[in-house]
């Protein structure tokens, strides 16, 4: 696993660098083969809040965790614990899917036009759109889209529904349940 650490308006000391590598590197124990290629860690300090953001792309998933506290080392500890819980949760969900659908369901390769690559472009257009994200969407069942949304820590997730081949959106409702938006053409 290659851990890329960068400081946002912060100098990353060798001690901080080693601590991040030690804490994030121990997550490699969850994988029997090297499934993680690059892990991106961003450290920053804003108004006495030490922030750590980690993005960990797996084969068809992206794990993401962020934590802010008054101590950088404490933030790193909490982020690594969050990622460990996400990995345990993901591992159990994948095991459940293998049990239900068979092992071949895990190895369906997305086509080159439907890869999980994400490109982010920051733009400013008359004060309205400040950031545009473009990404290829992968066909997946609704439960996998919900899992991906939870792993990313987002309130919604856009995906291609494997059952209908249409673009859908799952979202987290205020009551803690999930909603699904399906397109309808009048």
Protein backbone atom coordinates (compact mmCIF):
# COMPACT_ATOMS: atom_id res chain seq x y z
CA UNK A 1 0.00 0.00 0.00
CA UNK A 2 1.37 3.40 -0.97
CA UNK A 3 0.33 6.18 1.39
CA UNK A 4 0.49 9.68 -0.06
CA UNK A 5 0.53 12.26 2.72
CA UNK A 6 0.20 15.96 2.08
CA UNK A 7 -0.26 18.96 4.28
CA UNK A 8 -2.72 21.66 3.35
CA UNK A 9 -1.12 24.87 4.63
CA UNK A 10 0.84 22.66 7.03
CA UNK A 11 4.36 21.24 7.07
CA UNK A 12 4.23 17.49 7.60
CA UNK A 13 7.01 16.63 10.04
CA UNK A 14 8.82 13.29 9.80
CA UNK A 15 7.24 12.24 13.14
CA UNK A 16 3.75 13.05 11.84
CA UNK A 17 4.50 11.28 8.55
CA UNK A 18 5.68 8.14 10.39
CA UNK A 19 2.63 8.18 12.68
CA UNK A 20 0.22 8.38 9.73
CA UNK A 21 2.03 5.54 7.93
CA UNK A 22 1.94 3.40 11.08
CA UNK A 23 -1.78 3.95 11.81
CA UNK A 24 -3.09 3.79 8.23
CA UNK A 25 -0.61 1.07 7.22
CA UNK A 26 -2.03 -1.33 9.80
CA UNK A 27 -5.30 -1.40 7.83
CA UNK A 28 -3.49 -3.52 5.25
CA UNK A 29 -4.16 -6.53 7.49
CA UNK A 30 -7.71 -6.63 6.11
CA UNK A 31 -6.50 -7.70 2.68
CA UNK A 32 -5.03 -11.04 1.67
CA UNK A 33 -3.84 -9.50 -1.59
CA UNK A 34 -2.75 -5.92 -2.20
CA UNK A 35 -6.14 -4.42 -3.12
CA UNK A 36 -5.22 -0.88 -2.18
CA UNK A 37 -2.91 0.97 -4.50
CA UNK A 38 -2.80 4.58 -3.31
CA UNK A 39 -4.15 5.97 -0.08
CA UNK A 40 -4.46 9.76 0.00
CA UNK A 41 -4.10 11.47 3.37
CA UNK A 42 -4.57 15.22 3.73
CA UNK A 43 -3.63 16.97 6.97
CA UNK A 44 -4.67 20.55 7.70
CA UNK A 45 -5.16 23.00 10.55
CA UNK A 46 -7.92 25.62 10.48
CA UNK A 47 -8.69 27.74 13.56
CA UNK A 48 -7.14 25.28 16.04
CA UNK A 49 -8.99 22.37 14.43
CA UNK A 50 -6.61 19.65 13.24
CA UNK A 51 -8.23 17.88 10.31
CA UNK A 52 -7.32 14.53 8.76
CA UNK A 53 -9.00 13.32 5.57
CA UNK A 54 -8.26 9.86 4.15
CA UNK A 55 -9.43 8.48 0.79
CA UNK A 56 -8.79 4.80 0.16
CA UNK A 57 -9.84 3.45 -3.26
CA UNK A 58 -10.43 -0.30 -3.30
CA UNK A 59 -11.33 -2.43 -6.33
CA UNK A 60 -14.87 -1.11 -6.84
CA UNK A 61 -15.33 0.95 -3.67
CA UNK A 62 -13.95 4.14 -2.24
CA UNK A 63 -13.53 4.37 1.53
CA UNK A 64 -13.37 7.86 2.96
CA UNK A 65 -13.08 9.18 6.50
CA UNK A 66 -12.54 12.64 7.95
CA UNK A 67 -11.98 13.80 11.50
CA UNK A 68 -11.35 17.14 13.20
CA UNK A 69 -10.14 17.67 16.75
CA UNK A 70 -7.81 19.90 18.75
CA UNK A 71 -4.91 17.42 18.37
CA UNK A 72 -3.56 16.08 15.06
CA UNK A 73 -2.51 12.74 16.55
CA UNK A 74 -5.97 12.23 18.06
CA UNK A 75 -7.55 13.01 14.68
CA UNK A 76 -5.31 10.42 13.01
CA UNK A 77 -6.28 7.83 15.65
CA UNK A 78 -10.02 8.42 15.17
CA UNK A 79 -9.77 8.38 11.35
CA UNK A 80 -7.92 5.05 11.40
CA UNK A 81 -10.58 3.61 13.75
CA UNK A 82 -13.35 4.86 11.43
CA UNK A 83 -11.67 3.26 8.43
CA UNK A 84 -11.21 0.01 10.33
CA UNK A 85 -14.93 -0.08 11.17
CA UNK A 86 -15.78 0.67 7.53
CA UNK A 87 -13.51 -2.13 6.35
CA UNK A 88 -15.04 -4.61 8.82
CA UNK A 89 -18.55 -3.57 7.75
CA UNK A 90 -17.64 -3.84 4.06
CA UNK A 91 -16.01 -7.21 4.56
CA UNK A 92 -19.13 -8.62 6.25
CA UNK A 93 -21.44 -7.19 3.56
CA UNK A 94 -19.27 -8.66 0.81
CA UNK A 95 -19.24 -12.03 2.58
CA UNK A 96 -23.05 -11.87 2.76
CA UNK A 97 -23.24 -11.10 -0.98
CA UNK A 98 -20.91 -14.01 -1.81
CA UNK A 99 -23.11 -16.29 0.24
CA UNK A 100 -26.25 -15.09 -1.59
CA UNK A 101 -25.03 -14.52 -5.15
CA UNK A 102 -21.85 -16.58 -5.38
CA UNK A 103 -18.26 -15.46 -5.63
CA UNK A 104 -18.55 -14.47 -9.30
CA UNK A 105 -20.65 -11.43 -8.34
CA UNK A 106 -17.54 -9.83 -6.81
CA UNK A 107 -15.43 -10.12 -9.92
CA UNK A 108 -17.67 -8.52 -12.51
CA UNK A 109 -15.35 -6.07 -14.15
CA UNK A 110 -16.78 -2.71 -15.14
CA UNK A 111 -16.18 -1.79 -18.75
CA UNK A 112 -13.56 0.85 -19.56
CA UNK A 113 -16.25 3.49 -19.97
CA UNK A 114 -17.75 2.62 -16.58
CA UNK A 115 -14.69 2.57 -14.39
CA UNK A 116 -14.73 4.08 -10.90
CA UNK A 117 -12.22 6.83 -11.77
CA UNK A 118 -13.18 10.24 -10.48
CA UNK A 119 -12.08 13.56 -11.90
CA UNK A 120 -12.70 16.71 -9.90
CA UNK A 121 -12.59 20.14 -11.48
CA UNK A 122 -12.91 23.32 -9.44
CA UNK A 123 -14.59 26.10 -11.37
CA UNK A 124 -16.17 29.45 -10.63
CA UNK A 125 -18.97 30.57 -12.91
CA UNK A 126 -20.66 33.80 -11.87
CA UNK A 127 -20.70 32.78 -8.22
CA UNK A 128 -23.04 29.84 -8.82
CA UNK A 129 -21.18 26.61 -9.60
CA UNK A 130 -17.95 26.42 -7.63
CA UNK A 131 -17.10 22.76 -8.11
CA UNK A 132 -17.88 20.19 -10.80
CA UNK A 133 -17.27 16.50 -10.30
CA UNK A 134 -17.26 14.06 -13.19
CA UNK A 135 -17.14 10.34 -12.68
CA UNK A 136 -18.02 7.22 -14.58
CA UNK A 137 -20.87 5.32 -12.96
CA UNK A 138 -20.83 1.59 -12.47
CA UNK A 139 -23.94 -0.60 -12.62
CA UNK A 140 -24.75 -1.87 -9.13
CA UNK A 141 -27.70 -3.05 -7.06
CA UNK A 142 -29.39 -0.59 -4.71
CA UNK A 143 -27.91 -2.14 -1.55
CA UNK A 144 -24.38 -1.74 -2.92
CA UNK A 145 -25.10 1.92 -3.75
CA UNK A 146 -26.29 2.48 -0.17
CA UNK A 147 -23.14 0.80 1.14
CA UNK A 148 -20.95 2.96 -1.12
CA UNK A 149 -22.79 6.12 0.02
CA UNK A 150 -22.26 5.18 3.67
CA UNK A 151 -18.58 4.38 3.09
CA UNK A 152 -18.03 7.75 1.46
CA UNK A 153 -19.90 9.51 4.26
CA UNK A 154 -22.20 11.31 1.82
CA UNK A 155 -25.91 12.04 2.08
CA UNK A 156 -26.60 10.86 -1.49
CA UNK A 157 -25.05 8.67 -4.19
CA UNK A 158 -25.61 8.65 -7.96
CA UNK A 159 -25.35 5.23 -9.62
CA UNK A 160 -26.53 3.12 -12.54
CA UNK A 161 -29.18 0.69 -11.28
CA UNK A 162 -28.11 -2.81 -12.36
CA UNK A 163 -31.75 -3.95 -12.51
CA UNK A 164 -33.15 -1.12 -14.65
CA UNK A 165 -30.00 0.24 -16.38
CA UNK A 166 -31.14 3.76 -15.46
CA UNK A 167 -29.35 6.41 -13.45
CA UNK A 168 -30.74 6.51 -9.91
CA UNK A 169 -29.94 8.41 -6.73
CA UNK A 170 -30.06 6.95 -3.23
CA UNK A 171 -30.16 9.39 -0.33
CA UNK A 172 -30.30 9.37 3.44
CA UNK A 173 -33.54 10.74 4.85
CA UNK A 174 -33.82 12.83 8.03
CA UNK A 175 -35.44 9.88 9.82
CA UNK A 176 -32.34 7.72 9.16
CA UNK A 177 -34.00 5.64 6.43
CA UNK A 178 -32.97 5.67 2.77
CA UNK A 179 -34.74 7.04 -0.27
CA UNK A 180 -34.40 6.21 -3.97
CA UNK A 181 -34.92 8.66 -6.83
CA UNK A 182 -35.77 7.07 -10.19
CA UNK A 183 -36.11 9.06 -13.41
CA UNK A 184 -39.54 9.50 -14.92
CA UNK A 185 -40.12 11.09 -18.28
CA UNK A 186 -43.44 12.80 -18.88
